[in-house]
Amino acid sequence: MIMGCKFTAKPGTLFTIRKETCNRVEAAFAENGISFARREVRMAIPGPEDADRLNDTGRPAAAAAAQHQAAEENKKTSSG
């Protein structure tokens, strides 16, 4: 969902009004249990138990995704 807000502001007050408007909208959403989307990507990588359900395109894609995940985990453990 994309929401827009239109208003007229005196010179020099635009950013203050925009910030306050965003804060009020966010607070109203929070009061009603509505959360904003997070900037993250989630991947569901099929495991060995799912191999029989993958087609010829899915098998190499799953293998590449698993390799990528393993490489990312290795980066974290070696640099941390």
PDB file of N, CA and C in Angstrom:
ATOM      1  N   MET A   1       0.847  -1.164   0.000  1.00  0.00           N
ATOM      2  CA  MET A   1       0.000   0.000   0.000  1.00  0.00           C
ATOM      3  C   MET A   1       0.896   1.231   0.000  1.00  0.00           C
ATOM      4  N   ILE A   2       0.537   2.172  -0.797  1.00  0.00           N
ATOM      5  CA  ILE A   2       1.264   3.439  -0.844  1.00  0.00           C
ATOM      6  C   ILE A   2       0.305   4.534  -0.413  1.00  0.00           C
ATOM      7  N   MET A   3       0.741   5.319   0.541  1.00  0.00           N
ATOM      8  CA  MET A   3      -0.077   6.428   1.020  1.00  0.00           C
ATOM      9  C   MET A   3       0.577   7.738   0.622  1.00  0.00           C
ATOM     10  N   GLY A   4      -0.226   8.707   0.329  1.00  0.00           N
ATOM     11  CA  GLY A   4       0.287  10.025  -0.003  1.00  0.00           C
ATOM     12  C   GLY A   4      -0.366  11.060   0.892  1.00  0.00           C
ATOM     13  N   CYS A   5       0.286  12.167   1.028  1.00  0.00           N
ATOM     14  CA  CYS A   5      -0.221  13.257   1.844  1.00  0.00           C
ATOM     15  C   CYS A   5       0.101  14.549   1.107  1.00  0.00           C
ATOM     16  N   LYS A   6      -0.866  15.419   0.997  1.00  0.00           N
ATOM     17  CA  LYS A   6      -0.648  16.663   0.283  1.00  0.00           C
ATOM     18  C   LYS A   6      -0.980  17.817   1.220  1.00  0.00           C
ATOM     19  N   PHE A   7      -0.085  18.792   1.281  1.00  0.00           N
ATOM     20  CA  PHE A   7      -0.321  19.951   2.137  1.00  0.00           C
ATOM     21  C   PHE A   7       0.425  21.150   1.585  1.00  0.00           C
ATOM     22  N   THR A   8       0.062  22.300   2.069  1.00  0.00           N
ATOM     23  CA  THR A   8       0.739  23.533   1.700  1.00  0.00           C
ATOM     24  C   THR A   8       1.502  24.019   2.926  1.00  0.00           C
ATOM     25  N   ALA A   9       2.741  24.411   2.715  1.00  0.00           N
ATOM     26  CA  ALA A   9       3.582  24.841   3.835  1.00  0.00           C
ATOM     27  C   ALA A   9       4.248  26.169   3.507  1.00  0.00           C
ATOM     28  N   LYS A  10       4.519  26.897   4.547  1.00  0.00           N
ATOM     29  CA  LYS A  10       5.265  28.146   4.378  1.00  0.00           C
ATOM     30  C   LYS A  10       6.718  27.790   4.088  1.00  0.00           C
ATOM     31  N   PRO A  11       7.424  28.665   3.398  1.00  0.00           N
ATOM     32  CA  PRO A  11       8.840  28.401   3.108  1.00  0.00           C
ATOM     33  C   PRO A  11       9.632  28.116   4.398  1.00  0.00           C
ATOM     34  N   GLY A  12      10.427  27.068   4.327  1.00  0.00           N
ATOM     35  CA  GLY A  12      11.275  26.705   5.467  1.00  0.00           C
ATOM     36  C   GLY A  12      10.623  25.757   6.456  1.00  0.00           C
ATOM     37  N   THR A  13       9.339  25.423   6.259  1.00  0.00           N
ATOM     38  CA  THR A  13       8.663  24.529   7.212  1.00  0.00           C
ATOM     39  C   THR A  13       8.327  23.165   6.620  1.00  0.00           C
ATOM     40  N   LEU A  14       8.609  22.968   5.350  1.00  0.00           N
ATOM     41  CA  LEU A  14       8.225  21.734   4.658  1.00  0.00           C
ATOM     42  C   LEU A  14       8.732  20.484   5.372  1.00  0.00           C
ATOM     43  N   PHE A  15      10.026  20.429   5.673  1.00  0.00           N
ATOM     44  CA  PHE A  15      10.599  19.216   6.239  1.00  0.00           C
ATOM     45  C   PHE A  15      10.113  18.960   7.657  1.00  0.00           C
ATOM     46  N   THR A  16       9.874  20.013   8.419  1.00  0.00           N
ATOM     47  CA  THR A  16       9.347  19.855   9.776  1.00  0.00           C
ATOM     48  C   THR A  16       7.932  19.285   9.727  1.00  0.00           C
ATOM     49  N   ILE A  17       7.114  19.818   8.842  1.00  0.00           N
ATOM     50  CA  ILE A  17       5.739  19.336   8.714  1.00  0.00           C
ATOM     51  C   ILE A  17       5.724  17.895   8.205  1.00  0.00           C
ATOM     52  N   ARG A  18       6.559  17.597   7.217  1.00  0.00           N
ATOM     53  CA  ARG A  18       6.613  16.242   6.677  1.00  0.00           C
ATOM     54  C   ARG A  18       7.040  15.237   7.744  1.00  0.00           C
ATOM     55  N   LYS A  19       8.024  15.589   8.536  1.00  0.00           N
ATOM     56  CA  LYS A  19       8.501  14.701   9.610  1.00  0.00           C
ATOM     57  C   LYS A  19       7.400  14.471  10.643  1.00  0.00           C
ATOM     58  N   GLU A  20       6.724  15.532  11.048  1.00  0.00           N
ATOM     59  CA  GLU A  20       5.653  15.408  12.031  1.00  0.00           C
ATOM     60  C   GLU A  20       4.490  14.569  11.480  1.00  0.00           C
ATOM     61  N   THR A  21       4.166  14.767  10.222  1.00  0.00           N
ATOM     62  CA  THR A  21       3.100  13.984   9.601  1.00  0.00           C
ATOM     63  C   THR A  21       3.462  12.503   9.594  1.00  0.00           C
ATOM     64  N   CYS A  22       4.672  12.186   9.203  1.00  0.00           N
ATOM     65  CA  CYS A  22       5.121  10.785   9.191  1.00  0.00           C
ATOM     66  C   CYS A  22       5.086  10.186  10.587  1.00  0.00           C
ATOM     67  N   ASN A  23       5.535  10.946  11.585  1.00  0.00           N
ATOM     68  CA  ASN A  23       5.520  10.461  12.968  1.00  0.00           C
ATOM     69  C   ASN A  23       4.096  10.174  13.439  1.00  0.00           C
ATOM     70  N   ARG A  24       3.160  11.051  13.098  1.00  0.00           N
ATOM     71  CA  ARG A  24       1.769  10.854  13.518  1.00  0.00           C
ATOM     72  C   ARG A  24       1.131   9.650  12.824  1.00  0.00           C
ATOM     73  N   VAL A  25       1.409   9.494  11.538  1.00  0.00           N
ATOM     74  CA  VAL A  25       0.876   8.338  10.815  1.00  0.00           C
ATOM     75  C   VAL A  25       1.453   7.052  11.389  1.00  0.00           C
ATOM     76  N   GLU A  26       2.741   7.028  11.628  1.00  0.00           N
ATOM     77  CA  GLU A  26       3.385   5.841  12.188  1.00  0.00           C
ATOM     78  C   GLU A  26       2.821   5.519  13.569  1.00  0.00           C
ATOM     79  N   ALA A  27       2.591   6.539  14.404  1.00  0.00           N
ATOM     80  CA  ALA A  27       2.027   6.323  15.738  1.00  0.00           C
ATOM     81  C   ALA A  27       0.598   5.788  15.645  1.00  0.00           C
ATOM     82  N   ALA A  28      -0.202   6.338  14.733  1.00  0.00           N
ATOM     83  CA  ALA A  28      -1.582   5.862  14.559  1.00  0.00           C
ATOM     84  C   ALA A  28      -1.597   4.411  14.088  1.00  0.00           C
ATOM     85  N   PHE A  29      -0.699   4.066  13.185  1.00  0.00           N
ATOM     86  CA  PHE A  29      -0.605   2.680  12.722  1.00  0.00           C
ATOM     87  C   PHE A  29      -0.229   1.768  13.888  1.00  0.00           C
ATOM     88  N   ALA A  30       0.774   2.161  14.659  1.00  0.00           N
ATOM     89  CA  ALA A  30       1.238   1.342  15.784  1.00  0.00           C
ATOM     90  C   ALA A  30       0.115   1.131  16.804  1.00  0.00           C
ATOM     91  N   GLU A  31      -0.675   2.164  17.084  1.00  0.00           N
ATOM     92  CA  GLU A  31      -1.792   2.043  18.023  1.00  0.00           C
ATOM     93  C   GLU A  31      -2.821   1.023  17.554  1.00  0.00           C
ATOM     94  N   ASN A  32      -2.910   0.842  16.259  1.00  0.00           N
ATOM     95  CA  ASN A  32      -3.884  -0.089  15.687  1.00  0.00           C
ATOM     96  C   ASN A  32      -3.264  -1.414  15.250  1.00  0.00           C
ATOM     97  N   GLY A  33      -2.036  -1.656  15.674  1.00  0.00           N
ATOM     98  CA  GLY A  33      -1.380  -2.933  15.398  1.00  0.00           C
ATOM     99  C   GLY A  33      -0.921  -3.117  13.965  1.00  0.00           C
ATOM    100  N   ILE A  34      -0.716  -2.017  13.250  1.00  0.00           N
ATOM    101  CA  ILE A  34      -0.261  -2.094  11.862  1.00  0.00           C
ATOM    102  C   ILE A  34       1.219  -1.749  11.826  1.00  0.00           C
ATOM    103  N   SER A  35       2.026  -2.639  11.254  1.00  0.00           N
ATOM    104  CA  SER A  35       3.464  -2.374  11.193  1.00  0.00           C
ATOM    105  C   SER A  35       3.879  -2.111   9.746  1.00  0.00           C
ATOM    106  N   PHE A  36       4.943  -1.356   9.600  1.00  0.00           N
ATOM    107  CA  PHE A  36       5.487  -1.067   8.278  1.00  0.00           C
ATOM    108  C   PHE A  36       6.351  -2.227   7.827  1.00  0.00           C
ATOM    109  N   ALA A  37       6.490  -2.377   6.532  1.00  0.00           N
ATOM    110  CA  ALA A  37       7.335  -3.431   5.980  1.00  0.00           C
ATOM    111  C   ALA A  37       8.783  -3.173   6.363  1.00  0.00           C
ATOM    112  N   ARG A  38       9.505  -4.245   6.558  1.00  0.00           N
ATOM    113  CA  ARG A  38      10.923  -4.129   6.878  1.00  0.00           C
ATOM    114  C   ARG A  38      11.721  -4.242   5.594  1.00  0.00           C
ATOM    115  N   ARG A  39      12.859  -3.641   5.587  1.00  0.00           N
ATOM    116  CA  ARG A  39      13.735  -3.735   4.417  1.00  0.00           C
ATOM    117  C   ARG A  39      14.644  -4.941   4.578  1.00  0.00           C
ATOM    118  N   GLU A  40      14.102  -6.088   4.251  1.00  0.00           N
ATOM    119  CA  GLU A  40      14.860  -7.320   4.351  1.00  0.00           C
ATOM    120  C   GLU A  40      14.371  -8.293   3.294  1.00  0.00           C
ATOM    121  N   VAL A  41      15.204  -9.224   2.994  1.00  0.00           N
ATOM    122  CA  VAL A  41      14.851 -10.256   2.030  1.00  0.00           C
ATOM    123  C   VAL A  41      14.922 -11.586   2.749  1.00  0.00           C
ATOM    124  N   ARG A  42      13.876 -12.372   2.603  1.00  0.00           N
ATOM    125  CA  ARG A  42      13.858 -13.706   3.206  1.00  0.00           C
ATOM    126  C   ARG A  42      13.806 -14.733   2.091  1.00  0.00           C
ATOM    127  N   MET A  43      14.673 -15.727   2.211  1.00  0.00           N
ATOM    128  CA  MET A  43      14.703 -16.785   1.202  1.00  0.00           C
ATOM    129  C   MET A  43      14.370 -18.102   1.872  1.00  0.00           C
ATOM    130  N   ALA A  44      13.510 -18.866   1.258  1.00  0.00           N
ATOM    131  CA  ALA A  44      13.231 -20.220   1.711  1.00  0.00           C
ATOM    132  C   ALA A  44      13.990 -21.154   0.785  1.00  0.00           C
ATOM    133  N   ILE A  45      15.005 -21.790   1.325  1.00  0.00           N
ATOM    134  CA  ILE A  45      15.842 -22.666   0.515  1.00  0.00           C
ATOM    135  C   ILE A  45      15.403 -24.109   0.753  1.00  0.00           C
ATOM    136  N   PRO A  46      14.995 -24.782  -0.304  1.00  0.00           N
ATOM    137  CA  PRO A  46      14.563 -26.172  -0.152  1.00  0.00           C
ATOM    138  C   PRO A  46      15.716 -27.041   0.367  1.00  0.00           C
ATOM    139  N   GLY A  47      15.380 -27.967   1.219  1.00  0.00           N
ATOM    140  CA  GLY A  47      16.368 -28.893   1.747  1.00  0.00           C
ATOM    141  C   GLY A  47      16.344 -30.197   0.982  1.00  0.00           C
ATOM    142  N   PRO A  48      17.167 -31.142   1.388  1.00  0.00           N
ATOM    143  CA  PRO A  48      17.233 -32.443   0.684  1.00  0.00           C
ATOM    144  C   PRO A  48      15.876 -33.151   0.646  1.00  0.00           C
ATOM    145  N   GLU A  49      15.051 -32.930   1.670  1.00  0.00           N
ATOM    146  CA  GLU A  49      13.743 -33.597   1.715  1.00  0.00           C
ATOM    147  C   GLU A  49      12.780 -33.065   0.639  1.00  0.00           C
ATOM    148  N   ASP A  50      13.110 -31.911   0.058  1.00  0.00           N
ATOM    149  CA  ASP A  50      12.268 -31.316  -0.976  1.00  0.00           C
ATOM    150  C   ASP A  50      12.757 -31.623  -2.392  1.00  0.00           C
ATOM    151  N   ALA A  51      13.821 -32.383  -2.527  1.00  0.00           N
ATOM    152  CA  ALA A  51      14.445 -32.607  -3.834  1.00  0.00           C
ATOM    153  C   ALA A  51      13.489 -33.238  -4.848  1.00  0.00           C
ATOM    154  N   ASP A  52      12.606 -34.117  -4.395  1.00  0.00           N
ATOM    155  CA  ASP A  52      11.701 -34.781  -5.334  1.00  0.00           C
ATOM    156  C   ASP A  52      10.618 -33.847  -5.874  1.00  0.00           C
ATOM    157  N   ARG A  53      10.405 -32.693  -5.218  1.00  0.00           N
ATOM    158  CA  ARG A  53       9.393 -31.739  -5.682  1.00  0.00           C
ATOM    159  C   ARG A  53       9.966 -30.660  -6.594  1.00  0.00           C
ATOM    160  N   LEU A  54      11.286 -30.627  -6.772  1.00  0.00           N
ATOM    161  CA  LEU A  54      11.915 -29.605  -7.610  1.00  0.00           C
ATOM    162  C   LEU A  54      11.988 -30.068  -9.059  1.00  0.00           C
ATOM    163  N   ASN A  55      11.816 -29.121  -9.977  1.00  0.00           N
ATOM    164  CA  ASN A  55      11.947 -29.448 -11.395  1.00  0.00           C
ATOM    165  C   ASN A  55      13.387 -29.181 -11.841  1.00  0.00           C
ATOM    166  N   ASP A  56      13.640 -29.322 -13.139  1.00  0.00           N
ATOM    167  CA  ASP A  56      15.004 -29.154 -13.656  1.00  0.00           C
ATOM    168  C   ASP A  56      15.523 -27.728 -13.466  1.00  0.00           C
ATOM    169  N   THR A  57      14.642 -26.762 -13.395  1.00  0.00           N
ATOM    170  CA  THR A  57      15.059 -25.382 -13.156  1.00  0.00           C
ATOM    171  C   THR A  57      15.289 -25.144 -11.665  1.00  0.00           C
ATOM    172  N   GLY A  58      14.466 -25.757 -10.834  1.00  0.00           N
ATOM    173  CA  GLY A  58      14.529 -25.539  -9.391  1.00  0.00           C
ATOM    174  C   GLY A  58      15.747 -26.145  -8.723  1.00  0.00           C
ATOM    175  N   ARG A  59      16.212 -27.295  -9.211  1.00  0.00           N
ATOM    176  CA  ARG A  59      17.359 -27.956  -8.575  1.00  0.00           C
ATOM    177  C   ARG A  59      18.631 -27.100  -8.627  1.00  0.00           C
ATOM    178  N   PRO A  60      19.029 -26.602  -9.809  1.00  0.00           N
ATOM    179  CA  PRO A  60      20.232 -25.762  -9.832  1.00  0.00           C
ATOM    180  C   PRO A  60      20.046 -24.451  -9.060  1.00  0.00           C
ATOM    181  N   ALA A  61      18.826 -23.900  -9.097  1.00  0.00           N
ATOM    182  CA  ALA A  61      18.572 -22.656  -8.366  1.00  0.00           C
ATOM    183  C   ALA A  61      18.694 -22.889  -6.868  1.00  0.00           C
ATOM    184  N   ALA A  62      18.171 -24.009  -6.390  1.00  0.00           N
ATOM    185  CA  ALA A  62      18.268 -24.332  -4.962  1.00  0.00           C
ATOM    186  C   ALA A  62      19.722 -24.564  -4.560  1.00  0.00           C
ATOM    187  N   ALA A  63      20.474 -25.237  -5.418  1.00  0.00           N
ATOM    188  CA  ALA A  63      21.889 -25.481  -5.122  1.00  0.00           C
ATOM    189  C   ALA A  63      22.670 -24.170  -5.076  1.00  0.00           C
ATOM    190  N   ALA A  64      22.393 -23.267  -6.020  1.00  0.00           N
ATOM    191  CA  ALA A  64      23.082 -21.972  -6.031  1.00  0.00           C
ATOM    192  C   ALA A  64      22.726 -21.147  -4.802  1.00  0.00           C
ATOM    193  N   ALA A  65      21.459 -21.177  -4.419  1.00  0.00           N
ATOM    194  CA  ALA A  65      21.030 -20.428  -3.231  1.00  0.00           C
ATOM    195  C   ALA A  65      21.689 -20.987  -1.980  1.00  0.00           C
ATOM    196  N   ALA A  66      21.796 -22.306  -1.883  1.00  0.00           N
ATOM    197  CA  ALA A  66      22.435 -22.925  -0.726  1.00  0.00           C
ATOM    198  C   ALA A  66      23.923 -22.567  -0.676  1.00  0.00           C
ATOM    199  N   GLN A  67      24.583 -22.544  -1.816  1.00  0.00           N
ATOM    200  CA  GLN A  67      25.996 -22.160  -1.859  1.00  0.00           C
ATOM    201  C   GLN A  67      26.173 -20.700  -1.439  1.00  0.00           C
ATOM    202  N   HIS A  68      25.269 -19.849  -1.913  1.00  0.00           N
ATOM    203  CA  HIS A  68      25.333 -18.429  -1.560  1.00  0.00           C
ATOM    204  C   HIS A  68      25.150 -18.251  -0.054  1.00  0.00           C
ATOM    205  N   GLN A  69      24.178 -18.957   0.510  1.00  0.00           N
ATOM    206  CA  GLN A  69      23.934 -18.854   1.950  1.00  0.00           C
ATOM    207  C   GLN A  69      25.141 -19.344   2.741  1.00  0.00           C
ATOM    208  N   ALA A  70      25.733 -20.429   2.314  1.00  0.00           N
ATOM    209  CA  ALA A  70      26.907 -20.960   3.001  1.00  0.00           C
ATOM    210  C   ALA A  70      28.068 -19.975   2.921  1.00  0.00           C
ATOM    211  N   ALA A  71      28.243 -19.339   1.765  1.00  0.00           N
ATOM    212  CA  ALA A  71      29.315 -18.357   1.619  1.00  0.00           C
ATOM    213  C   ALA A  71      29.085 -17.162   2.526  1.00  0.00           C
ATOM    214  N   GLU A  72      27.832 -16.692   2.637  1.00  0.00           N
ATOM    215  CA  GLU A  72      27.509 -15.567   3.515  1.00  0.00           C
ATOM    216  C   GLU A  72      27.766 -15.923   4.979  1.00  0.00           C
ATOM    217  N   GLU A  73      27.406 -17.134   5.367  1.00  0.00           N
ATOM    218  CA  GLU A  73      27.638 -17.574   6.744  1.00  0.00           C
ATOM    219  C   GLU A  73      29.133 -17.684   7.034  1.00  0.00           C
ATOM    220  N   ASN A  74      29.913 -18.141   6.043  1.00  0.00           N
ATOM    221  CA  ASN A  74      31.358 -18.226   6.224  1.00  0.00           C
ATOM    222  C   ASN A  74      31.971 -16.839   6.383  1.00  0.00           C
ATOM    223  N   LYS A  75      31.477 -15.852   5.636  1.00  0.00           N
ATOM    224  CA  LYS A  75      31.961 -14.473   5.781  1.00  0.00           C
ATOM    225  C   LYS A  75      31.725 -13.952   7.182  1.00  0.00           C
ATOM    226  N   LYS A  76      30.528 -14.225   7.711  1.00  0.00           N
ATOM    227  CA  LYS A  76      30.165 -13.744   9.038  1.00  0.00           C
ATOM    228  C   LYS A  76      31.057 -14.362  10.113  1.00  0.00           C
ATOM    229  N   THR A  77      31.293 -15.667  10.006  1.00  0.00           N
ATOM    230  CA  THR A  77      32.076 -16.348  11.048  1.00  0.00           C
ATOM    231  C   THR A  77      33.558 -16.010  10.936  1.00  0.00           C
ATOM    232  N   SER A  78      34.066 -15.784   9.723  1.00  0.00           N
ATOM    233  CA  SER A  78      35.479 -15.494   9.590  1.00  0.00           C
ATOM    234  C   SER A  78      35.819 -14.038   9.907  1.00  0.00           C
ATOM    235  N   SER A  79      34.856 -13.121   9.717  1.00  0.00           N
ATOM    236  CA  SER A  79      35.144 -11.720   9.999  1.00  0.00           C
ATOM    237  C   SER A  79      34.698 -11.310  11.394  1.00  0.00           C
ATOM    238  N   GLY A  80      33.884 -12.114  12.040  1.00  0.00           N
ATOM    239  CA  GLY A  80      33.325 -11.727  13.335  1.00  0.00           C
ATOM    240  C   GLY A  80      34.088 -12.263  14.442  1.00  0.00           C
TER     241      GLY A  80
END
